[in-house]
N, C-alpha and C. Protein backbone atom coordinates (compact mmCIF):
# COMPACT_ATOMS: atom_id res chain seq x y z
N MET A 1 10.46 6.71 -9.54
CA MET A 1 8.58 7.27 -9.95
C MET A 1 7.74 6.40 -9.53
N GLU A 2 7.51 4.69 -9.98
CA GLU A 2 6.82 4.45 -9.47
C GLU A 2 6.83 3.60 -8.38
N PRO A 3 5.81 3.59 -7.22
CA PRO A 3 4.12 3.40 -7.94
C PRO A 3 3.60 4.59 -7.61
N PHE A 4 4.56 5.74 -7.47
CA PHE A 4 3.53 7.56 -6.46
C PHE A 4 3.76 7.84 -8.18
N GLY A 5 4.13 7.78 -9.05
CA GLY A 5 3.79 8.29 -10.22
C GLY A 5 2.15 7.49 -10.84
N PHE A 6 1.69 6.93 -10.46
CA PHE A 6 0.41 6.60 -10.96
C PHE A 6 -0.66 7.02 -9.88
N TYR A 7 -0.15 7.55 -8.54
CA TYR A 7 -1.71 7.99 -8.00
C TYR A 7 -1.70 9.68 -7.94
N PRO A 8 -2.44 9.84 -7.69
CA PRO A 8 -3.43 11.27 -8.00
C PRO A 8 -2.64 12.26 -7.72
N GLY A 9 -1.98 12.86 -8.36
CA GLY A 9 -1.43 14.40 -8.04
C GLY A 9 0.25 13.76 -7.92
N GLU A 10 0.48 12.32 -8.64
CA GLU A 10 1.57 12.19 -8.53
C GLU A 10 2.05 11.53 -6.81
N GLY A 11 2.03 11.64 -5.77
CA GLY A 11 2.52 11.16 -4.89
C GLY A 11 2.07 12.47 -4.14
N ARG A 12 2.10 13.49 -4.45
CA ARG A 12 2.05 14.58 -3.78
C ARG A 12 1.14 15.43 -3.21
N GLU A 13 0.13 14.69 -2.73
CA GLU A 13 -1.18 15.38 -2.20
C GLU A 13 -1.84 13.71 -1.66
N LEU A 14 -2.41 14.66 -0.84
CA LEU A 14 -3.52 13.83 0.46
C LEU A 14 -4.20 13.27 -0.36
N LEU A 15 -4.36 11.79 -0.19
CA LEU A 15 -5.52 10.68 -0.97
C LEU A 15 -6.90 10.16 0.08
N GLY A 16 -6.66 10.47 1.31
CA GLY A 16 -8.01 9.77 2.24
C GLY A 16 -7.40 9.11 2.99
N GLN A 17 -8.20 8.39 4.45
CA GLN A 17 -7.66 7.52 5.20
C GLN A 17 -8.69 6.13 4.35
N PRO A 18 -7.89 5.09 4.45
CA PRO A 18 -8.89 4.15 4.69
C PRO A 18 -9.76 3.50 5.49
N ASN A 19 -10.75 2.81 4.99
CA ASN A 19 -11.78 2.61 5.96
C ASN A 19 -11.58 0.95 6.36
N ARG A 20 -10.84 1.07 7.39
CA ARG A 20 -10.20 0.31 8.86
C ARG A 20 -11.13 -0.42 8.85
N THR A 21 -12.77 -0.54 8.86
CA THR A 21 -13.37 -1.71 9.26
C THR A 21 -13.69 -2.26 8.40
N ASP A 22 -12.89 -2.28 7.08
CA ASP A 22 -13.02 -3.70 5.43
C ASP A 22 -11.96 -4.38 6.16
N ASN A 23 -11.51 -4.86 5.12
CA ASN A 23 -9.97 -5.32 4.91
C ASN A 23 -9.93 -5.42 3.45
N CYS A 24 -8.45 -6.18 3.58
CA CYS A 24 -7.34 -5.08 2.22
C CYS A 24 -8.41 -5.63 0.70
N ARG A 25 -8.73 -7.19 0.67
CA ARG A 25 -9.47 -7.28 -0.45
C ARG A 25 -11.04 -7.21 -0.87
N HIS A 26 -11.47 -6.68 0.26
CA HIS A 26 -12.54 -6.21 -0.22
C HIS A 26 -12.66 -4.77 0.06
N GLY A 27 -12.07 -4.15 0.53
CA GLY A 27 -11.92 -2.69 0.89
C GLY A 27 -10.99 -1.88 0.21
N TYR A 28 -10.08 -1.44 1.44
CA TYR A 28 -9.12 -0.50 1.04
C TYR A 28 -7.96 -0.75 -0.25
N GLY A 29 -8.00 -2.09 -0.15
CA GLY A 29 -6.83 -2.49 -1.15
C GLY A 29 -7.55 -2.43 -2.10
N ILE A 30 -9.05 -3.12 -2.27
CA ILE A 30 -9.44 -2.65 -3.89
C ILE A 30 -9.64 -0.87 -4.26
N GLU A 31 -9.87 -0.14 -2.87
CA GLU A 31 -10.30 1.44 -3.31
C GLU A 31 -8.59 1.57 -3.74
N LEU A 32 -7.37 1.39 -3.23
CA LEU A 32 -6.17 1.80 -3.94
C LEU A 32 -6.05 1.49 -4.72
N GLN A 33 -6.33 0.11 -5.20
CA GLN A 33 -6.43 -0.15 -6.44
C GLN A 33 -6.73 0.82 -7.52
N LYS A 34 -8.02 0.69 -7.42
CA LYS A 34 -8.68 1.80 -8.52
C LYS A 34 -8.53 3.46 -8.29
N MET A 35 -7.94 3.43 -7.18
CA MET A 35 -7.36 5.04 -7.34
C MET A 35 -5.71 5.17 -8.01
N THR A 36 -5.39 4.03 -7.86
CA THR A 36 -3.87 4.28 -8.61
C THR A 36 -4.09 3.72 -9.92
N GLY A 37 -4.31 2.48 -10.20
CA GLY A 37 -4.07 1.36 -11.19
C GLY A 37 -3.60 0.17 -11.37
N LEU A 38 -2.78 0.60 -10.27
CA LEU A 38 -1.90 -0.45 -9.81
C LEU A 38 -2.30 -1.97 -9.80
N MET A 39 -1.80 -3.17 -10.66
CA MET A 39 -1.93 -4.04 -9.74
C MET A 39 -1.23 -4.85 -10.17
N HIS A 40 -0.12 -4.61 -9.62
CA HIS A 40 1.30 -5.79 -9.27
C HIS A 40 1.98 -5.25 -7.71
N CYS A 41 2.58 -6.13 -7.58
CA CYS A 41 3.51 -6.20 -5.87
C CYS A 41 4.51 -4.33 -6.12
N ALA A 42 4.07 -3.56 -5.95
CA ALA A 42 5.39 -2.39 -5.39
C ALA A 42 6.57 -2.60 -5.59
N TYR A 43 7.06 -4.00 -5.06
CA TYR A 43 8.31 -4.39 -4.61
C TYR A 43 8.54 -5.52 -5.66
N CYS A 44 8.04 -6.92 -5.59
CA CYS A 44 8.31 -7.31 -6.47
C CYS A 44 8.14 -7.59 -8.05
N GLY A 45 7.31 -7.00 -8.41
CA GLY A 45 5.99 -6.86 -9.48
C GLY A 45 4.96 -7.92 -9.89
N VAL A 46 4.94 -8.83 -9.09
CA VAL A 46 3.80 -9.58 -8.87
C VAL A 46 2.44 -9.69 -9.66
N SER A 47 1.64 -10.12 -10.14
CA SER A 47 0.54 -9.55 -10.47
C SER A 47 -0.32 -9.87 -8.92
N LEU A 48 -1.02 -9.18 -9.01
CA LEU A 48 -2.33 -9.49 -7.95
C LEU A 48 -3.36 -9.82 -8.25
N VAL A 49 -3.96 -9.74 -9.71
CA VAL A 49 -4.96 -9.81 -10.23
C VAL A 49 -4.97 -10.76 -11.08
N ASP A 50 -4.21 -11.71 -11.51
CA ASP A 50 -4.17 -12.39 -12.69
C ASP A 50 -5.41 -13.30 -12.21
N ASP A 51 -5.16 -14.24 -11.33
CA ASP A 51 -6.38 -15.34 -10.75
C ASP A 51 -6.59 -15.07 -9.11
N TYR A 52 -7.82 -15.90 -8.86
CA TYR A 52 -7.91 -16.22 -7.38
C TYR A 52 -6.49 -16.07 -6.45
N TYR A 53 -5.28 -16.91 -6.46
CA TYR A 53 -4.42 -17.35 -5.89
C TYR A 53 -4.09 -16.13 -5.54
N ARG A 54 -3.62 -15.31 -6.49
CA ARG A 54 -2.84 -14.15 -6.44
C ARG A 54 -3.55 -12.91 -5.93
N TRP A 55 -4.84 -12.74 -6.13
CA TRP A 55 -5.16 -12.32 -5.20
C TRP A 55 -5.43 -12.47 -4.01
N LEU A 56 -5.43 -13.28 -3.67
CA LEU A 56 -5.65 -13.70 -2.03
C LEU A 56 -3.94 -13.27 -1.29
N LEU A 57 -3.00 -13.52 -2.09
CA LEU A 57 -1.48 -12.42 -2.02
C LEU A 57 -1.91 -11.29 -1.62
N MET A 58 -2.64 -10.55 -1.94
CA MET A 58 -2.88 -8.77 -2.21
C MET A 58 -2.70 -8.47 -0.62
N VAL A 59 -1.65 -7.65 -0.33
CA VAL A 59 -1.97 -7.08 1.21
C VAL A 59 -1.12 -4.96 0.72
N VAL A 60 -1.75 -4.49 1.91
CA VAL A 60 -1.60 -2.99 1.84
C VAL A 60 0.04 -2.78 3.18
N ASP A 61 0.88 -2.05 2.20
CA ASP A 61 1.98 -1.44 3.13
C ASP A 61 1.75 -0.39 3.74
N HIS A 62 2.37 0.15 4.68
CA HIS A 62 2.85 1.52 4.65
C HIS A 62 4.26 1.60 4.43
N VAL A 63 4.57 2.51 3.32
CA VAL A 63 5.49 2.36 3.28
C VAL A 63 6.77 3.10 4.04
N VAL A 64 6.73 3.70 4.54
CA VAL A 64 6.68 4.24 6.34
C VAL A 64 6.14 4.01 7.43
N SER A 65 6.81 2.64 8.06
CA SER A 65 5.41 2.56 9.01
C SER A 65 5.14 3.38 9.98
N VAL A 66 3.99 3.29 10.34
CA VAL A 66 3.05 3.84 11.52
C VAL A 66 4.05 3.86 12.65
N GLY A 67 4.86 3.17 13.23
CA GLY A 67 5.62 3.69 14.61
C GLY A 67 6.79 4.18 13.76
N GLU A 68 7.41 3.93 12.90
CA GLU A 68 8.84 5.11 12.23
C GLU A 68 8.38 6.05 12.19
N ALA A 69 7.14 6.17 11.47
CA ALA A 69 6.55 7.55 11.18
C ALA A 69 5.91 8.66 12.22
N LYS A 70 5.80 7.83 13.62
CA LYS A 70 5.34 8.73 15.01
C LYS A 70 7.22 9.17 15.10
N ARG A 71 7.70 8.13 15.48
CA ARG A 71 8.99 7.96 15.78
C ARG A 71 9.81 9.98 14.76
N LEU A 72 9.62 9.90 13.85
CA LEU A 72 10.13 10.51 12.87
C LEU A 72 9.31 12.21 12.84
N GLY A 73 8.42 11.67 13.52
CA GLY A 73 7.37 13.03 13.75
C GLY A 73 6.54 13.35 12.72
N ILE A 74 6.50 12.74 11.97
CA ILE A 74 5.40 12.63 10.98
C ILE A 74 3.94 12.68 11.30
N GLN A 75 3.50 13.78 10.63
CA GLN A 75 2.00 14.26 11.08
C GLN A 75 0.84 12.51 10.99
N SER A 76 0.43 12.20 11.52
CA SER A 76 -0.96 11.47 11.36
C SER A 76 -1.54 11.41 10.25
N GLU A 77 -2.27 12.30 9.99
CA GLU A 77 -2.65 12.56 8.32
C GLU A 77 -2.11 12.06 7.29
N TYR A 78 -0.88 12.32 7.38
CA TYR A 78 0.70 11.47 6.59
C TYR A 78 0.63 10.37 6.11
N ARG A 79 0.95 9.82 7.87
CA ARG A 79 0.94 8.49 8.27
C ARG A 79 -0.21 7.11 8.21
N GLY A 80 -1.38 7.53 8.26
CA GLY A 80 -2.27 6.73 7.36
C GLY A 80 -3.04 7.39 6.47
N ASP A 81 -2.61 7.55 5.70
CA ASP A 81 -3.34 8.12 4.65
C ASP A 81 -2.81 7.07 3.59
N PHE A 82 -3.45 7.14 2.10
CA PHE A 82 -3.17 6.19 1.20
C PHE A 82 -1.76 6.53 0.19
N ILE A 83 -1.47 7.93 0.57
CA ILE A 83 -0.36 8.53 -0.36
C ILE A 83 0.99 7.71 0.57
N ASN A 84 0.77 6.81 1.72
CA ASN A 84 1.84 6.32 2.39
C ASN A 84 1.64 4.87 2.39
N MET A 85 1.12 4.05 1.15
CA MET A 85 0.64 3.06 0.99
C MET A 85 0.93 2.27 -0.08
N VAL A 86 1.21 1.58 -0.51
CA VAL A 86 1.47 0.64 -1.39
C VAL A 86 0.49 -0.68 -1.70
N LEU A 87 0.13 -1.34 -2.74
CA LEU A 87 0.04 -3.08 -2.98
C LEU A 87 1.16 -3.46 -3.05
N CYS A 88 1.22 -4.42 -1.85
CA CYS A 88 2.13 -5.25 -2.45
C CYS A 88 1.76 -6.84 -2.14
N CYS A 89 2.58 -7.83 -2.63
CA CYS A 89 2.20 -9.36 -1.79
C CYS A 89 2.38 -9.88 -0.85
N ALA A 90 1.62 -10.86 -0.05
CA ALA A 90 2.11 -10.72 0.98
C ALA A 90 3.22 -11.25 1.66
N GLY A 91 4.35 -11.87 0.41
CA GLY A 91 5.71 -12.28 0.73
C GLY A 91 6.54 -10.92 1.03
N CYS A 92 6.52 -10.49 0.46
CA CYS A 92 7.37 -9.00 0.32
C CYS A 92 6.55 -8.24 1.53
N ASN A 93 5.86 -8.15 1.89
CA ASN A 93 5.31 -7.78 2.82
C ASN A 93 5.56 -7.93 4.63
N GLY A 94 5.95 -9.68 4.16
CA GLY A 94 6.14 -9.94 5.60
C GLY A 94 7.85 -9.99 5.52
N PHE A 95 8.64 -9.80 4.38
CA PHE A 95 10.23 -9.77 4.39
C PHE A 95 10.45 -8.62 4.96
N ASN A 96 11.38 -9.00 6.38
CA ASN A 96 12.09 -8.11 7.03
C ASN A 96 13.67 -7.54 6.75
N PRO A 97 14.33 -7.48 5.95
CA PRO A 97 16.05 -7.67 5.64
C PRO A 97 17.11 -7.35 7.14
N ARG A 98 15.94 -6.55 8.15
CA ARG A 98 16.70 -6.97 9.79
C ARG A 98 17.06 -7.79 10.25
N TYR A 99 15.66 -8.96 9.97
CA TYR A 99 15.75 -10.67 10.48
C TYR A 99 17.09 -11.07 10.09
N LYS A 100 17.81 -10.59 8.63
CA LYS A 100 17.89 -12.24 7.64
C LYS A 100 19.17 -12.24 8.90
């Protein structure tokens, strides 16, 4: 259920496109945080708000990458919507098990 159970409509409805002219820690990441109430990495659970250092770790990850979504034929309004995004830490966002 987590994290999408905390999203408006429990992850079953589009939430809108982020403003890509801004950045995660001042714009769309904060918007996603306010929209969902989530303040921890969706993957490892580390807090992203306890202090300045942890706030610096905050990134937004596409659950299904844009490239993979295109390959699968997922409509653009879904692949670029907040519904396809989670807050996470930079470490988890950069980890890719394919390269292990």
